[in-house]
């Protein structure tokens, strides 16, 4: 919801409450919003916008009601026609600006500024890890990442399976939970928390982790065989070898 939309959303809610002949519509909309909020409310995340999309759809419908009611009110009042036309044109222009702002933010700004929120680096991690499988006994991937603060990227094993061309049957056969902190095992892959002081001595291992998992300043340069970046060219993950890999 962009700021320009807010007044019309509130106006739509007001008219929905005010009009007495819309009882069935009120119950439907309220039920839709409450049911739509359940998937986001019971998830493990603090908030989950992609699980509440059906509620956003209803907000847009309420906004449309507000715009329609505003237009009806504008037509009904006795003022100069040119003034009405100017106000209608201003509202239409603001709504178009609202849409264009959203499109620009979503297609340009968001992917560049918030590439961690679309888990952009995970594809590159999976493709690189797939190439390196023959060079190491195991590959440890810690999906904790983030540009300004650490967050846990979920479902890293799905990226490794999909972009590593692991067949579904093979994936199901090899997928299992491990014994370490948030560990999932998939063939040579161990997706888990990296405990660098304990893991450092593991031989023939490729570690892929962010600055939040690996104290990269303390790692010898020759051990860093790959740096994976966000859209804005900031480092997202480091691939660190415990041997001299090809």
Protein backbone atom coordinates (compact mmCIF):
# COMPACT_ATOMS: atom_id res chain seq x y z
CA UNK A 1 0.00 0.00 0.00
CA UNK A 2 1.50 3.31 -1.08
CA UNK A 3 0.54 6.51 0.75
CA UNK A 4 -1.71 7.86 -2.02
CA UNK A 5 -3.94 4.80 -1.70
CA UNK A 6 -4.50 5.12 2.05
CA UNK A 7 -7.24 7.84 2.08
CA UNK A 8 -9.35 5.91 -0.42
CA UNK A 9 -8.86 2.66 1.53
CA UNK A 10 -10.15 4.38 4.68
CA UNK A 11 -13.02 5.90 2.70
CA UNK A 12 -13.95 2.48 1.34
CA UNK A 13 -13.99 1.02 4.86
CA UNK A 14 -16.14 3.94 6.06
CA UNK A 15 -18.76 3.42 3.35
CA UNK A 16 -18.78 -0.33 3.91
CA UNK A 17 -19.64 0.28 7.58
CA UNK A 18 -22.08 3.14 6.89
CA UNK A 19 -24.29 1.58 4.22
CA UNK A 20 -26.90 -0.62 5.86
CA UNK A 21 -27.73 -2.69 2.78
CA UNK A 22 -24.21 -4.14 2.61
CA UNK A 23 -24.43 -6.55 5.54
CA UNK A 24 -23.65 -9.61 3.39
CA UNK A 25 -20.76 -7.78 1.74
CA UNK A 26 -19.38 -6.73 5.13
CA UNK A 27 -19.46 -10.29 6.42
CA UNK A 28 -17.81 -11.58 3.25
CA UNK A 29 -15.02 -9.00 3.31
CA UNK A 30 -14.36 -9.37 7.05
CA UNK A 31 -14.29 -13.16 6.71
CA UNK A 32 -11.96 -12.91 3.70
CA UNK A 33 -9.51 -10.71 5.63
CA UNK A 34 -9.58 -12.84 8.79
CA UNK A 35 -9.16 -16.12 6.90
CA UNK A 36 -6.46 -14.59 4.70
CA UNK A 37 -4.49 -13.51 7.76
CA UNK A 38 -4.30 -17.05 9.19
CA UNK A 39 -1.42 -18.39 6.99
CA UNK A 40 0.74 -15.40 7.89
CA UNK A 41 -0.26 -15.49 11.55
CA UNK A 42 0.74 -19.10 12.20
CA UNK A 43 4.06 -19.08 10.34
CA UNK A 44 7.39 -19.13 12.16
CA UNK A 45 8.31 -15.72 10.70
CA UNK A 46 7.50 -12.51 12.56
CA UNK A 47 5.63 -11.32 9.47
CA UNK A 48 5.04 -13.04 6.16
CA UNK A 49 3.70 -10.72 3.42
CA UNK A 50 3.68 -13.37 0.69
CA UNK A 51 1.30 -15.49 2.79
CA UNK A 52 -1.18 -12.65 3.15
CA UNK A 53 -1.57 -11.67 -0.52
CA UNK A 54 -5.28 -12.51 -0.57
CA UNK A 55 -5.81 -9.82 2.11
CA UNK A 56 -4.01 -7.27 -0.05
CA UNK A 57 -6.44 -8.11 -2.86
CA UNK A 58 -9.36 -7.19 -0.59
CA UNK A 59 -7.64 -3.95 0.40
CA UNK A 60 -7.49 -3.04 -3.28
CA UNK A 61 -11.21 -3.76 -3.64
CA UNK A 62 -11.95 -1.54 -0.65
CA UNK A 63 -9.78 1.16 -2.20
CA UNK A 64 -11.79 0.90 -5.41
CA UNK A 65 -14.99 1.33 -3.37
CA UNK A 66 -13.51 4.45 -1.81
CA UNK A 67 -12.56 5.89 -5.21
CA UNK A 68 -16.05 5.17 -6.60
CA UNK A 69 -17.77 6.76 -3.61
CA UNK A 70 -15.53 9.80 -3.80
CA UNK A 71 -16.36 10.20 -7.49
CA UNK A 72 -20.11 9.90 -6.78
CA UNK A 73 -19.84 12.55 -4.07
CA UNK A 74 -17.89 14.84 -6.38
CA UNK A 75 -20.54 14.53 -9.10
CA UNK A 76 -23.40 15.19 -6.67
CA UNK A 77 -22.16 18.45 -5.16
CA UNK A 78 -23.00 21.78 -6.80
CA UNK A 79 -19.71 23.31 -7.81
CA UNK A 80 -18.14 24.48 -11.04
CA UNK A 81 -17.79 21.74 -13.66
CA UNK A 82 -14.19 22.66 -14.42
CA UNK A 83 -13.34 22.34 -10.73
CA UNK A 84 -14.86 18.86 -10.67
CA UNK A 85 -12.89 17.94 -13.76
CA UNK A 86 -9.69 19.27 -12.21
CA UNK A 87 -10.24 17.29 -8.99
CA UNK A 88 -11.10 14.09 -10.93
CA UNK A 89 -8.00 14.53 -13.09
CA UNK A 90 -5.85 15.08 -9.98
CA UNK A 91 -7.17 11.91 -8.31
CA UNK A 92 -6.70 9.88 -11.50
CA UNK A 93 -3.18 11.27 -11.90
CA UNK A 94 -2.28 10.43 -8.30
CA UNK A 95 -3.55 6.87 -8.67
CA UNK A 96 -1.58 6.42 -11.89
CA UNK A 97 1.48 7.85 -10.13
CA UNK A 98 0.81 5.40 -7.30
CA UNK A 99 0.84 2.48 -9.75
CA UNK A 100 3.94 3.66 -11.59
CA UNK A 101 5.75 4.19 -8.27
CA UNK A 102 4.93 0.63 -7.23
CA UNK A 103 6.08 -0.81 -10.58
CA UNK A 104 9.36 1.10 -10.36
CA UNK A 105 10.00 0.14 -6.74
CA UNK A 106 9.20 -3.50 -7.42
CA UNK A 107 11.09 -3.99 -10.67
CA UNK A 108 14.07 -1.64 -10.18
CA UNK A 109 14.68 -0.48 -6.61
CA UNK A 110 13.64 -3.57 -4.69
CA UNK A 111 15.84 -6.12 -6.43
CA UNK A 112 18.85 -3.79 -6.19
CA UNK A 113 18.41 -2.54 -2.64
CA UNK A 114 16.85 -5.62 -1.05
CA UNK A 115 18.17 -8.58 -3.03
CA UNK A 116 18.45 -10.55 0.21
CA UNK A 117 14.64 -10.44 0.46
CA UNK A 118 14.26 -12.30 -2.82
CA UNK A 119 17.07 -14.66 -1.73
CA UNK A 120 18.89 -13.66 -4.90
CA UNK A 121 22.35 -15.07 -3.98
CA UNK A 122 21.01 -18.58 -3.29
CA UNK A 123 20.88 -19.50 -6.98
CA UNK A 124 24.54 -18.56 -7.41
CA UNK A 125 25.44 -20.50 -4.25
CA UNK A 126 23.65 -23.61 -5.52
CA UNK A 127 25.22 -23.45 -8.99
CA UNK A 128 28.72 -22.96 -7.58
CA UNK A 129 28.28 -25.72 -5.00
CA UNK A 130 27.07 -28.11 -7.70
CA UNK A 131 30.25 -27.50 -9.73
CA UNK A 132 32.45 -28.02 -6.67
CA UNK A 133 30.93 -31.33 -5.49
CA UNK A 134 33.68 -33.44 -7.07
CA UNK A 135 36.42 -31.43 -5.37
CA UNK A 136 35.32 -31.90 -1.76
CA UNK A 137 34.19 -34.60 0.63
CA UNK A 138 31.40 -32.37 1.94
CA UNK A 139 29.99 -28.91 1.35
CA UNK A 140 28.65 -26.96 4.33
CA UNK A 141 26.27 -24.12 3.53
CA UNK A 142 25.05 -21.74 6.24
CA UNK A 143 22.01 -19.80 4.93
CA UNK A 144 22.41 -17.08 7.56
CA UNK A 145 22.99 -13.91 5.57
CA UNK A 146 21.96 -10.27 5.28
CA UNK A 147 23.40 -6.92 4.31
CA UNK A 148 22.66 -4.93 7.48
CA UNK A 149 21.59 -7.63 9.95
CA UNK A 150 21.66 -11.44 10.01
CA UNK A 151 18.60 -13.36 8.86
CA UNK A 152 18.15 -17.07 8.20
CA UNK A 153 17.35 -17.87 4.58
CA UNK A 154 14.93 -20.76 4.54
CA UNK A 155 14.76 -23.76 2.19
CA UNK A 156 18.39 -23.59 1.08
CA UNK A 157 18.23 -27.33 0.28
CA UNK A 158 15.56 -26.68 -2.36
CA UNK A 159 17.89 -24.27 -4.17
CA UNK A 160 20.71 -26.81 -4.00
CA UNK A 161 18.43 -29.51 -5.36
CA UNK A 162 16.83 -27.47 -8.12
CA UNK A 163 19.86 -25.61 -9.46
CA UNK A 164 22.08 -28.63 -8.82
CA UNK A 165 19.84 -30.72 -11.09
CA UNK A 166 19.10 -33.28 -8.39
CA UNK A 167 16.19 -35.45 -9.51
CA UNK A 168 13.12 -35.35 -7.19
CA UNK A 169 13.37 -39.07 -6.42
CA UNK A 170 17.06 -38.70 -5.52
CA UNK A 171 16.27 -35.62 -3.44
CA UNK A 172 13.61 -37.46 -1.43
CA UNK A 173 15.87 -40.44 -0.89
CA UNK A 174 18.87 -38.43 0.33
CA UNK A 175 17.14 -35.64 2.25
CA UNK A 176 17.25 -36.00 6.04
CA UNK A 177 17.61 -33.96 9.21
CA UNK A 178 21.02 -33.76 10.86
CA UNK A 179 22.12 -33.59 14.48
CA UNK A 180 23.71 -30.14 14.41
CA UNK A 181 22.09 -26.73 14.81
CA UNK A 182 19.36 -26.27 12.10
CA UNK A 183 21.05 -28.97 9.99
CA UNK A 184 19.58 -30.53 6.86
CA UNK A 185 21.58 -33.16 4.98
CA UNK A 186 21.36 -33.78 1.25
CA UNK A 187 24.06 -36.00 -0.24
CA UNK A 188 27.36 -34.16 0.22
CA UNK A 189 25.54 -31.04 1.38
CA UNK A 190 25.15 -30.05 5.00
CA UNK A 191 22.91 -27.00 5.34
CA UNK A 192 23.41 -25.77 8.89
CA UNK A 193 24.92 -23.22 11.21
CA UNK A 194 28.68 -22.85 10.81
CA UNK A 195 30.56 -22.89 14.10
CA UNK A 196 33.84 -21.63 12.70
CA UNK A 197 36.09 -22.42 15.68
CA UNK A 198 34.91 -26.02 15.69
CA UNK A 199 34.53 -26.45 11.93
CA UNK A 200 37.85 -24.95 10.91
CA UNK A 201 39.74 -28.23 11.31
CA UNK A 202 37.37 -30.31 9.18
CA UNK A 203 39.40 -31.65 6.23
CA UNK A 204 38.40 -31.64 2.58
CA UNK A 205 35.41 -29.38 3.21
CA UNK A 206 34.00 -26.39 1.37
CA UNK A 207 32.26 -23.87 3.63
CA UNK A 208 29.86 -21.36 2.12
CA UNK A 209 28.77 -18.69 4.56
CA UNK A 210 28.26 -14.97 5.00
CA UNK A 211 30.09 -12.47 7.16
CA UNK A 212 27.73 -13.45 9.98
CA UNK A 213 28.95 -17.07 9.94
CA UNK A 214 32.61 -16.83 8.92
CA UNK A 215 35.11 -14.31 10.41
CA UNK A 216 36.30 -13.56 6.91
CA UNK A 217 39.01 -11.11 8.00
CA UNK A 218 40.77 -13.95 9.80
CA UNK A 219 40.68 -16.31 6.81
CA UNK A 220 43.74 -16.55 4.59
CA UNK A 221 43.11 -15.11 1.14
CA UNK A 222 44.16 -18.31 -0.64
CA UNK A 223 41.41 -20.20 1.21
CA UNK A 224 38.66 -17.98 -0.23
CA UNK A 225 37.92 -19.53 -3.61
CA UNK A 226 34.74 -17.62 -4.44
CA UNK A 227 32.82 -14.51 -3.37
CA UNK A 228 29.11 -14.38 -4.24
CA UNK A 229 27.54 -10.93 -4.43
CA UNK A 230 24.16 -9.24 -4.06
CA UNK A 231 22.69 -7.19 -6.89
CA UNK A 232 24.40 -4.08 -5.49
CA UNK A 233 27.82 -5.79 -5.67
CA UNK A 234 28.13 -6.19 -1.90
CA UNK A 235 29.49 -9.58 -0.73
CA UNK A 236 26.73 -12.01 0.23
CA UNK A 237 28.56 -15.32 0.72
CA UNK A 238 32.16 -16.51 0.83
CA UNK A 239 33.26 -19.98 -0.28
CA UNK A 240 36.15 -21.05 1.96
CA UNK A 241 38.13 -24.22 1.37
CA UNK A 242 39.95 -26.32 3.94
CA UNK A 243 42.20 -27.60 1.19
CA UNK A 244 43.68 -26.30 -2.04
CA UNK A 245 40.74 -26.93 -4.37
CA UNK A 246 40.74 -26.64 -8.12
